[in-house]
Structures are given as structure tokens and as C-alpha cells.
């Protein structure tokens, strides 16, 4: 029993530490209209994705089914948000700020340098429309071989040089 309590304490500490990495992330919503706190929504997303959720609908369903579990880590005073509220929040978040927070969290987990980082550019298949209505999407990705993790991706202009996109 003591071992289980120790693991539960460690899990709680890791979640608190995870949330600390996102403290500087600004909530883009109007403060008077916020029923669900940003840290609660981020926490629910993390735990749902770790449990296998891969859409806003599944993340919202995870929250409804696991509300008592989620309340072990935060108040969730108004319950959990709907899938639309997750979609709206993440559409409004500053993606670059979120990426910086996420990378800082990943770096804190490994406490090691990234080792070899592979930089590669790709054009996404079927990301264009015929007759030039929409150009294909070109992405540059940075992959840490040691950590087996994509460190970041950015959309770039067509025929952009990968070296200029890295910074």
C-alpha cells in the first residue's frame, strides 16, 4: 500500500510540474466568460491523450467518464468542457507560446541534450487544390533521434531552404 501511495504522490507531483511549464501560456478567452480554467483543460487533454484519446470528442468523453479521477488533481468546479470548448480554446491559443511551453516540459523530462537532431522538409500529399486554388503545404520538422521525438514543426513557403527555417 505504501508503494502505491508513493507512486500516486509521484504522479501528482509530475502533473503539477507539467502544469508549471504552462503557467506563462496566456488564456485568450474573455476572463468573465471562462467557466473552465485553462490549467484544468490542459490537464484533461494531457491525461486523455495519454489514455489514447485522439480527438476533441474523445477528450471531452474522457473528462465526463473520469471526472472523479480528474478532481484528484484539480477542482473541476463546473465539471468538464465539451468538445467544442476544447476546439475553440486550442484554435485561439498562441501556438508558438504553446510550443515553447511543451518543449520546455519535454526538455525537463530528459535532462539530456537532444543528441542528433535531424531536420527534414516534406510536402504534404493531397494538401493542394487543382487549378492552383490552394498551394500544397510544406513543413520543416526537427526530430531528436535520441529521444525519438519531434521537437517542432513549422509551415514554410514553397521551395524554402531548410537551413533558413531552422531558427
N, C-alpha and C. Protein backbone atom coordinates (compact mmCIF):
# COMPACT_ATOMS: atom_id res chain seq x y z
N UNK A 1 0.82 -1.20 0.00
CA UNK A 1 0.00 0.00 0.00
C UNK A 1 0.86 1.26 0.00
N UNK A 2 1.95 1.22 0.77
CA UNK A 2 2.83 2.39 0.82
C UNK A 2 3.46 2.64 -0.54
N UNK A 3 3.79 1.57 -1.27
CA UNK A 3 4.38 1.71 -2.60
C UNK A 3 3.39 2.37 -3.57
N UNK A 4 2.11 1.98 -3.47
CA UNK A 4 1.08 2.57 -4.32
C UNK A 4 0.90 4.05 -4.00
N UNK A 5 0.95 4.39 -2.72
CA UNK A 5 0.83 5.80 -2.32
C UNK A 5 2.01 6.60 -2.83
N UNK A 6 3.20 6.03 -2.77
CA UNK A 6 4.39 6.72 -3.27
C UNK A 6 4.26 6.98 -4.76
N UNK A 7 3.78 6.00 -5.53
CA UNK A 7 3.60 6.18 -6.97
C UNK A 7 2.53 7.22 -7.25
N UNK A 8 1.46 7.23 -6.48
CA UNK A 8 0.41 8.24 -6.65
C UNK A 8 0.95 9.63 -6.37
N UNK A 9 1.76 9.75 -5.32
CA UNK A 9 2.37 11.04 -5.00
C UNK A 9 3.30 11.50 -6.11
N UNK A 10 4.07 10.56 -6.67
CA UNK A 10 4.97 10.90 -7.77
C UNK A 10 4.19 11.35 -9.00
N UNK A 11 3.10 10.66 -9.30
CA UNK A 11 2.27 11.02 -10.45
C UNK A 11 1.68 12.42 -10.26
N UNK A 12 1.20 12.69 -9.05
CA UNK A 12 0.65 14.02 -8.75
C UNK A 12 1.72 15.09 -8.92
N UNK A 13 2.90 14.84 -8.38
CA UNK A 13 4.00 15.80 -8.49
C UNK A 13 4.37 16.06 -9.95
N UNK A 14 4.36 15.01 -10.76
CA UNK A 14 4.70 15.17 -12.17
C UNK A 14 3.65 16.00 -12.91
N UNK A 15 2.37 15.82 -12.55
CA UNK A 15 1.34 16.63 -13.18
C UNK A 15 1.43 18.09 -12.76
N UNK A 16 1.72 18.32 -11.49
CA UNK A 16 1.91 19.70 -11.02
C UNK A 16 3.09 20.33 -11.75
N UNK A 17 4.18 19.58 -11.89
CA UNK A 17 5.35 20.08 -12.60
C UNK A 17 5.02 20.35 -14.06
N UNK A 18 4.23 19.49 -14.69
CA UNK A 18 3.81 19.69 -16.08
C UNK A 18 3.04 21.00 -16.22
N UNK A 19 2.08 21.22 -15.31
CA UNK A 19 1.28 22.44 -15.37
C UNK A 19 2.14 23.69 -15.16
N UNK A 20 3.18 23.59 -14.35
CA UNK A 20 4.07 24.73 -14.12
C UNK A 20 4.74 25.19 -15.41
N UNK A 21 4.98 24.28 -16.33
CA UNK A 21 5.60 24.65 -17.59
C UNK A 21 4.65 25.45 -18.48
N UNK A 22 3.36 25.40 -18.19
CA UNK A 22 2.37 26.11 -18.98
C UNK A 22 1.81 27.35 -18.27
N UNK A 23 2.42 27.75 -17.15
CA UNK A 23 1.94 28.91 -16.40
C UNK A 23 2.02 30.20 -17.20
N UNK A 24 3.02 30.32 -18.06
CA UNK A 24 3.20 31.55 -18.84
C UNK A 24 2.33 31.60 -20.09
N UNK A 25 1.59 30.54 -20.36
CA UNK A 25 0.71 30.50 -21.52
C UNK A 25 -0.52 31.35 -21.24
N UNK A 26 -0.74 32.37 -22.06
CA UNK A 26 -1.88 33.26 -21.86
C UNK A 26 -3.17 32.60 -22.32
N UNK A 27 -4.22 32.78 -21.52
CA UNK A 27 -5.54 32.29 -21.87
C UNK A 27 -6.20 33.34 -22.76
N UNK A 28 -6.50 33.01 -24.03
CA UNK A 28 -7.04 34.01 -24.96
C UNK A 28 -8.52 34.31 -24.76
N UNK A 29 -9.19 33.59 -23.88
CA UNK A 29 -10.63 33.76 -23.70
C UNK A 29 -10.93 34.98 -22.83
N UNK A 30 -12.15 35.51 -22.95
CA UNK A 30 -12.58 36.63 -22.12
C UNK A 30 -12.76 36.14 -20.69
N UNK A 31 -12.05 36.75 -19.77
CA UNK A 31 -11.99 36.24 -18.40
C UNK A 31 -13.36 36.14 -17.73
N UNK A 32 -14.27 37.02 -18.03
CA UNK A 32 -15.60 36.98 -17.41
C UNK A 32 -16.47 35.84 -17.90
N UNK A 33 -16.08 35.24 -19.03
CA UNK A 33 -16.90 34.18 -19.62
C UNK A 33 -16.29 32.79 -19.45
N UNK A 34 -15.20 32.70 -18.68
CA UNK A 34 -14.49 31.43 -18.54
C UNK A 34 -15.09 30.59 -17.41
N UNK A 35 -15.64 29.46 -17.77
CA UNK A 35 -16.17 28.53 -16.76
C UNK A 35 -15.15 27.45 -16.45
N UNK A 36 -14.30 27.11 -17.42
CA UNK A 36 -13.31 26.04 -17.26
C UNK A 36 -11.92 26.64 -17.31
N UNK A 37 -11.17 26.46 -16.25
CA UNK A 37 -9.83 27.04 -16.15
C UNK A 37 -8.89 26.42 -17.18
N UNK A 38 -7.96 27.24 -17.65
CA UNK A 38 -7.01 26.78 -18.66
C UNK A 38 -6.21 25.59 -18.17
N UNK A 39 -5.71 25.65 -16.93
CA UNK A 39 -4.90 24.53 -16.45
C UNK A 39 -5.71 23.24 -16.33
N UNK A 40 -7.01 23.35 -16.00
CA UNK A 40 -7.85 22.16 -15.94
C UNK A 40 -8.05 21.57 -17.33
N UNK A 41 -8.24 22.43 -18.33
CA UNK A 41 -8.43 21.93 -19.69
C UNK A 41 -7.15 21.30 -20.23
N UNK A 42 -6.01 21.91 -19.93
CA UNK A 42 -4.73 21.33 -20.37
C UNK A 42 -4.49 19.99 -19.69
N UNK A 43 -4.79 19.92 -18.40
CA UNK A 43 -4.63 18.69 -17.65
C UNK A 43 -5.52 17.58 -18.22
N UNK A 44 -6.78 17.91 -18.48
CA UNK A 44 -7.69 16.91 -19.05
C UNK A 44 -7.18 16.44 -20.41
N UNK A 45 -6.67 17.36 -21.22
CA UNK A 45 -6.13 16.97 -22.54
C UNK A 45 -4.96 16.02 -22.38
N UNK A 46 -4.03 16.36 -21.51
CA UNK A 46 -2.85 15.51 -21.32
C UNK A 46 -3.25 14.10 -20.89
N UNK A 47 -4.08 14.01 -19.87
CA UNK A 47 -4.45 12.70 -19.35
C UNK A 47 -5.27 11.90 -20.36
N UNK A 48 -6.14 12.57 -21.09
CA UNK A 48 -6.95 11.87 -22.09
C UNK A 48 -6.08 11.36 -23.24
N UNK A 49 -5.14 12.18 -23.69
CA UNK A 49 -4.25 11.75 -24.78
C UNK A 49 -3.37 10.60 -24.31
N UNK A 50 -2.89 10.66 -23.08
CA UNK A 50 -2.10 9.54 -22.56
C UNK A 50 -2.94 8.27 -22.46
N UNK A 51 -4.23 8.42 -22.29
CA UNK A 51 -5.13 7.27 -22.22
C UNK A 51 -5.59 6.80 -23.60
N UNK A 52 -5.15 7.51 -24.66
CA UNK A 52 -5.46 7.06 -26.02
C UNK A 52 -6.43 7.92 -26.80
N UNK A 53 -6.91 9.01 -26.23
CA UNK A 53 -7.83 9.89 -26.96
C UNK A 53 -7.08 10.60 -28.08
N UNK A 54 -7.75 10.75 -29.22
CA UNK A 54 -7.09 11.46 -30.32
C UNK A 54 -8.03 12.43 -31.04
N UNK A 55 -9.07 12.89 -30.36
CA UNK A 55 -9.94 13.92 -30.91
C UNK A 55 -10.54 14.70 -29.75
N UNK A 56 -11.10 15.87 -30.07
CA UNK A 56 -11.73 16.68 -29.01
C UNK A 56 -12.92 15.93 -28.42
N UNK A 57 -13.64 15.20 -29.25
CA UNK A 57 -14.79 14.43 -28.76
C UNK A 57 -14.33 13.39 -27.74
N UNK A 58 -13.26 12.67 -28.05
CA UNK A 58 -12.76 11.66 -27.13
C UNK A 58 -12.19 12.28 -25.86
N UNK A 59 -11.57 13.44 -25.97
CA UNK A 59 -11.04 14.13 -24.78
C UNK A 59 -12.19 14.57 -23.88
N UNK A 60 -13.25 15.10 -24.47
CA UNK A 60 -14.42 15.51 -23.69
C UNK A 60 -15.09 14.29 -23.04
N UNK A 61 -15.19 13.20 -23.77
CA UNK A 61 -15.80 11.98 -23.23
C UNK A 61 -14.97 11.42 -22.08
N UNK A 62 -13.65 11.46 -22.22
CA UNK A 62 -12.76 11.04 -21.13
C UNK A 62 -13.06 11.86 -19.88
N UNK A 63 -13.22 13.17 -20.04
CA UNK A 63 -13.50 14.03 -18.90
C UNK A 63 -14.81 13.70 -18.21
N UNK A 64 -15.83 13.44 -19.02
CA UNK A 64 -17.14 13.08 -18.42
C UNK A 64 -17.05 11.77 -17.64
N UNK A 65 -16.36 10.81 -18.21
CA UNK A 65 -16.28 9.49 -17.57
C UNK A 65 -15.32 9.46 -16.39
N UNK A 66 -14.32 10.32 -16.39
CA UNK A 66 -13.27 10.27 -15.37
C UNK A 66 -13.24 11.53 -14.50
N UNK A 67 -14.38 12.18 -14.34
CA UNK A 67 -14.42 13.43 -13.58
C UNK A 67 -13.91 13.24 -12.15
N UNK A 68 -14.30 12.19 -11.48
CA UNK A 68 -13.82 11.97 -10.11
C UNK A 68 -12.30 11.80 -10.08
N UNK A 69 -11.76 11.10 -11.06
CA UNK A 69 -10.31 10.94 -11.16
C UNK A 69 -9.65 12.30 -11.39
N UNK A 70 -10.18 13.11 -12.31
CA UNK A 70 -9.61 14.43 -12.60
C UNK A 70 -9.63 15.33 -11.37
N UNK A 71 -10.65 15.19 -10.55
CA UNK A 71 -10.77 16.03 -9.35
C UNK A 71 -9.73 15.69 -8.29
N UNK A 72 -8.99 14.63 -8.48
CA UNK A 72 -7.87 14.33 -7.59
C UNK A 72 -6.74 15.31 -7.82
N UNK A 73 -6.71 15.95 -9.00
CA UNK A 73 -5.62 16.83 -9.38
C UNK A 73 -6.03 18.30 -9.43
N UNK A 74 -7.30 18.58 -9.68
CA UNK A 74 -7.79 19.97 -9.77
C UNK A 74 -9.28 19.97 -9.40
N UNK A 75 -9.82 21.15 -9.15
CA UNK A 75 -11.20 21.26 -8.64
C UNK A 75 -12.26 20.86 -9.66
N UNK A 76 -12.11 21.24 -10.91
CA UNK A 76 -13.12 21.00 -11.94
C UNK A 76 -14.50 21.36 -11.39
N UNK A 77 -14.59 22.57 -10.86
CA UNK A 77 -15.79 23.07 -10.18
C UNK A 77 -17.04 22.99 -11.05
N UNK A 78 -16.89 23.27 -12.34
CA UNK A 78 -18.04 23.28 -13.26
C UNK A 78 -18.09 22.01 -14.11
N UNK A 79 -17.44 20.96 -13.67
CA UNK A 79 -17.39 19.73 -14.46
C UNK A 79 -16.31 19.84 -15.53
N UNK A 80 -16.54 19.21 -16.66
CA UNK A 80 -15.55 19.23 -17.74
C UNK A 80 -16.16 19.87 -18.99
N UNK A 81 -15.31 20.46 -19.81
CA UNK A 81 -15.79 21.15 -21.01
C UNK A 81 -16.25 20.19 -22.11
N UNK A 82 -17.01 20.73 -23.04
CA UNK A 82 -17.45 19.97 -24.21
C UNK A 82 -16.34 19.95 -25.26
N UNK A 83 -16.52 19.12 -26.26
CA UNK A 83 -15.53 19.05 -27.33
C UNK A 83 -15.41 20.38 -28.07
N UNK A 84 -16.53 21.10 -28.21
CA UNK A 84 -16.48 22.40 -28.88
C UNK A 84 -15.63 23.41 -28.10
N UNK A 85 -15.73 23.37 -26.79
CA UNK A 85 -14.94 24.29 -25.97
C UNK A 85 -13.45 23.99 -26.09
N UNK A 86 -13.08 22.72 -26.17
CA UNK A 86 -11.67 22.37 -26.39
C UNK A 86 -11.20 22.88 -27.75
N UNK A 87 -12.00 22.63 -28.77
CA UNK A 87 -11.64 23.07 -30.11
C UNK A 87 -11.48 24.58 -30.18
N UNK A 88 -12.41 25.31 -29.57
CA UNK A 88 -12.34 26.77 -29.59
C UNK A 88 -11.12 27.29 -28.84
N UNK A 89 -10.83 26.69 -27.69
CA UNK A 89 -9.67 27.12 -26.91
C UNK A 89 -8.38 26.90 -27.68
N UNK A 90 -8.18 25.70 -28.20
CA UNK A 90 -6.93 25.40 -28.87
C UNK A 90 -6.79 26.14 -30.19
N UNK A 91 -7.90 26.49 -30.82
CA UNK A 91 -7.84 27.30 -32.03
C UNK A 91 -7.39 28.72 -31.72
N UNK A 92 -7.70 29.19 -30.50
CA UNK A 92 -7.37 30.56 -30.12
C UNK A 92 -6.01 30.69 -29.43
N UNK A 93 -5.45 29.60 -28.93
CA UNK A 93 -4.17 29.66 -28.22
C UNK A 93 -3.04 30.11 -29.15
N UNK A 94 -2.08 30.80 -28.59
CA UNK A 94 -0.87 31.18 -29.31
C UNK A 94 -0.04 29.92 -29.50
N UNK A 95 0.02 29.43 -30.73
CA UNK A 95 0.67 28.14 -31.00
C UNK A 95 2.16 28.19 -30.70
N UNK A 96 2.80 29.31 -30.97
CA UNK A 96 4.24 29.40 -30.69
C UNK A 96 4.51 29.39 -29.19
N UNK A 97 3.68 30.06 -28.41
CA UNK A 97 3.84 30.05 -26.95
C UNK A 97 3.58 28.65 -26.40
N UNK A 98 2.56 27.98 -26.94
CA UNK A 98 2.27 26.61 -26.50
C UNK A 98 3.44 25.70 -26.84
N UNK A 99 4.00 25.86 -28.02
CA UNK A 99 5.14 25.03 -28.43
C UNK A 99 6.33 25.25 -27.50
N UNK A 100 6.60 26.51 -27.13
CA UNK A 100 7.72 26.79 -26.20
C UNK A 100 7.49 26.11 -24.86
N UNK A 101 6.27 26.17 -24.34
CA UNK A 101 5.95 25.52 -23.07
C UNK A 101 6.12 24.01 -23.17
N UNK A 102 5.64 23.44 -24.26
CA UNK A 102 5.71 22.00 -24.45
C UNK A 102 7.16 21.54 -24.56
N UNK A 103 7.97 22.27 -25.32
CA UNK A 103 9.38 21.90 -25.48
C UNK A 103 10.12 22.02 -24.16
N UNK A 104 9.79 23.04 -23.37
CA UNK A 104 10.43 23.19 -22.06
C UNK A 104 10.07 22.01 -21.16
N UNK A 105 8.84 21.54 -21.24
CA UNK A 105 8.43 20.38 -20.45
C UNK A 105 9.19 19.14 -20.89
N UNK A 106 9.26 18.89 -22.18
CA UNK A 106 9.96 17.72 -22.69
C UNK A 106 11.44 17.77 -22.30
N UNK A 107 12.04 18.94 -22.40
CA UNK A 107 13.45 19.09 -22.03
C UNK A 107 13.65 18.79 -20.54
N UNK A 108 12.69 19.16 -19.71
CA UNK A 108 12.82 18.90 -18.27
C UNK A 108 12.72 17.41 -17.96
N UNK A 109 12.02 16.67 -18.79
CA UNK A 109 11.88 15.23 -18.57
C UNK A 109 13.17 14.49 -18.85
N UNK A 110 13.83 14.87 -19.90
CA UNK A 110 15.00 14.13 -20.33
C UNK A 110 16.26 14.55 -19.59
N UNK A 111 16.35 15.84 -19.30
CA UNK A 111 17.53 16.40 -18.64
C UNK A 111 18.82 16.04 -19.40
N UNK A 112 18.67 15.75 -20.65
CA UNK A 112 19.79 15.44 -21.52
C UNK A 112 19.70 16.32 -22.75
N UNK A 113 20.81 16.50 -23.42
CA UNK A 113 20.80 17.21 -24.68
C UNK A 113 20.07 16.39 -25.72
N UNK A 114 19.65 17.01 -26.81
CA UNK A 114 18.88 16.29 -27.80
C UNK A 114 19.69 15.29 -28.63
N UNK A 115 21.02 15.32 -28.55
CA UNK A 115 21.81 14.41 -29.37
C UNK A 115 21.74 14.84 -30.82
N UNK A 116 21.51 13.91 -31.70
CA UNK A 116 21.41 14.22 -33.12
C UNK A 116 20.00 14.69 -33.42
N UNK A 117 19.91 15.87 -34.06
CA UNK A 117 18.63 16.41 -34.46
C UNK A 117 18.59 16.42 -35.98
N UNK A 118 17.66 15.67 -36.54
CA UNK A 118 17.50 15.61 -37.99
C UNK A 118 16.51 16.68 -38.42
N UNK A 119 16.87 17.44 -39.43
CA UNK A 119 16.00 18.48 -39.98
C UNK A 119 15.58 18.00 -41.37
N UNK A 120 14.27 17.99 -41.60
CA UNK A 120 13.80 17.47 -42.88
C UNK A 120 12.58 18.25 -43.34
N UNK A 121 12.51 18.50 -44.62
CA UNK A 121 11.37 19.17 -45.22
C UNK A 121 10.53 18.20 -46.02
N UNK A 122 9.24 18.36 -45.94
CA UNK A 122 8.31 17.50 -46.68
C UNK A 122 7.16 18.34 -47.22
N UNK A 123 6.62 17.90 -48.33
CA UNK A 123 5.39 18.46 -48.87
C UNK A 123 4.28 17.46 -48.58
N UNK A 124 3.21 17.91 -47.94
CA UNK A 124 2.12 17.02 -47.55
C UNK A 124 1.31 16.61 -48.77
N UNK A 125 1.12 15.31 -48.93
CA UNK A 125 0.35 14.79 -50.05
C UNK A 125 -1.09 15.27 -49.98
N UNK A 126 -1.64 15.55 -51.12
CA UNK A 126 -3.04 15.95 -51.28
C UNK A 126 -3.40 17.18 -50.45
N UNK A 127 -2.43 18.04 -50.19
CA UNK A 127 -2.72 19.26 -49.42
C UNK A 127 -2.93 20.45 -50.34
N UNK A 128 -3.18 20.20 -51.60
CA UNK A 128 -3.38 21.26 -52.57
C UNK A 128 -4.75 21.09 -53.23
N UNK A 129 -5.15 22.11 -53.99
CA UNK A 129 -6.37 22.01 -54.79
C UNK A 129 -5.98 22.21 -56.25
N UNK A 130 -6.66 21.51 -57.12
CA UNK A 130 -6.38 21.62 -58.55
C UNK A 130 -6.58 23.06 -59.03
N UNK A 131 -5.95 23.36 -60.11
CA UNK A 131 -6.04 24.68 -60.75
C UNK A 131 -5.43 25.78 -59.89
N UNK A 132 -4.57 25.43 -58.94
CA UNK A 132 -3.86 26.43 -58.14
C UNK A 132 -4.70 27.16 -57.13
N UNK A 133 -5.90 26.68 -56.81
CA UNK A 133 -6.75 27.34 -55.83
C UNK A 133 -6.12 27.34 -54.44
N UNK A 134 -5.37 26.28 -54.16
CA UNK A 134 -4.70 26.18 -52.86
C UNK A 134 -3.38 25.46 -53.08
N UNK A 135 -2.29 26.11 -52.68
CA UNK A 135 -0.96 25.52 -52.87
C UNK A 135 -0.73 24.41 -51.85
N UNK A 136 0.16 23.46 -52.17
CA UNK A 136 0.45 22.40 -51.21
C UNK A 136 1.15 22.95 -49.96
N UNK A 137 1.02 22.24 -48.87
CA UNK A 137 1.63 22.64 -47.60
C UNK A 137 3.02 22.04 -47.49
N UNK A 138 4.00 22.88 -47.15
CA UNK A 138 5.38 22.45 -46.97
C UNK A 138 5.73 22.60 -45.50
N UNK A 139 6.25 21.52 -44.89
CA UNK A 139 6.62 21.52 -43.47
C UNK A 139 8.09 21.20 -43.29
N UNK A 140 8.69 21.84 -42.30
CA UNK A 140 10.04 21.51 -41.85
C UNK A 140 9.89 20.92 -40.46
N UNK A 141 10.52 19.76 -40.21
CA UNK A 141 10.44 19.09 -38.92
C UNK A 141 11.82 18.91 -38.33
N UNK A 142 11.91 19.03 -37.00
CA UNK A 142 13.14 18.73 -36.28
C UNK A 142 12.87 17.48 -35.43
N UNK A 143 13.66 16.43 -35.63
CA UNK A 143 13.46 15.13 -34.98
C UNK A 143 14.68 14.82 -34.12
N UNK A 144 14.46 14.58 -32.83
CA UNK A 144 15.52 14.17 -31.94
C UNK A 144 15.65 12.66 -31.99
N UNK A 145 16.77 12.18 -32.54
CA UNK A 145 16.97 10.74 -32.67
C UNK A 145 17.10 10.07 -31.31
N UNK A 146 17.78 10.72 -30.38
CA UNK A 146 18.00 10.13 -29.06
C UNK A 146 16.70 9.98 -28.28
N UNK A 147 15.85 10.99 -28.37
CA UNK A 147 14.61 10.98 -27.60
C UNK A 147 13.43 10.43 -28.39
N UNK A 148 13.66 10.15 -29.67
CA UNK A 148 12.60 9.64 -30.55
C UNK A 148 11.36 10.52 -30.48
N UNK A 149 11.58 11.82 -30.72
CA UNK A 149 10.54 12.81 -30.52
C UNK A 149 10.67 13.92 -31.54
N UNK A 150 9.54 14.35 -32.11
CA UNK A 150 9.54 15.52 -32.97
C UNK A 150 9.61 16.74 -32.05
N UNK A 151 10.68 17.52 -32.21
CA UNK A 151 10.88 18.69 -31.37
C UNK A 151 10.05 19.87 -31.84
N UNK A 152 9.77 19.91 -33.12
CA UNK A 152 8.97 21.00 -33.64
C UNK A 152 8.74 20.87 -35.12
N UNK A 153 7.67 21.51 -35.58
CA UNK A 153 7.35 21.57 -37.00
C UNK A 153 6.91 22.98 -37.30
N UNK A 154 7.20 23.42 -38.52
CA UNK A 154 6.76 24.74 -38.94
C UNK A 154 6.42 24.70 -40.42
N UNK A 155 5.37 25.41 -40.77
CA UNK A 155 4.97 25.53 -42.17
C UNK A 155 5.86 26.57 -42.81
N UNK A 156 6.37 26.26 -43.99
CA UNK A 156 7.27 27.19 -44.69
C UNK A 156 6.77 27.42 -46.11
N UNK A 157 7.35 28.44 -46.73
CA UNK A 157 7.00 28.75 -48.12
C UNK A 157 7.55 27.67 -49.05
N UNK A 158 6.97 27.59 -50.22
CA UNK A 158 7.41 26.61 -51.21
C UNK A 158 8.88 26.80 -51.54
N UNK A 159 9.58 25.70 -51.68
CA UNK A 159 10.99 25.68 -52.05
C UNK A 159 11.85 26.48 -51.07
N UNK A 160 11.40 26.62 -49.84
CA UNK A 160 12.16 27.31 -48.81
C UNK A 160 13.36 26.45 -48.43
N UNK A 161 14.42 27.10 -48.06
CA UNK A 161 15.62 26.41 -47.63
C UNK A 161 15.43 25.96 -46.18
N UNK A 162 15.69 24.69 -45.90
CA UNK A 162 15.51 24.17 -44.55
C UNK A 162 16.42 24.88 -43.55
N UNK A 163 17.62 25.24 -43.98
CA UNK A 163 18.58 25.89 -43.10
C UNK A 163 18.04 27.24 -42.61
N UNK A 164 17.38 27.99 -43.47
CA UNK A 164 16.85 29.30 -43.05
C UNK A 164 15.63 29.17 -42.16
N UNK A 165 14.93 28.03 -42.24
CA UNK A 165 13.73 27.83 -41.44
C UNK A 165 14.04 27.33 -40.03
N UNK A 166 15.21 26.77 -39.81
CA UNK A 166 15.56 26.16 -38.51
C UNK A 166 15.44 27.13 -37.35
N UNK A 167 15.99 28.34 -37.41
CA UNK A 167 15.87 29.22 -36.24
C UNK A 167 14.43 29.52 -35.87
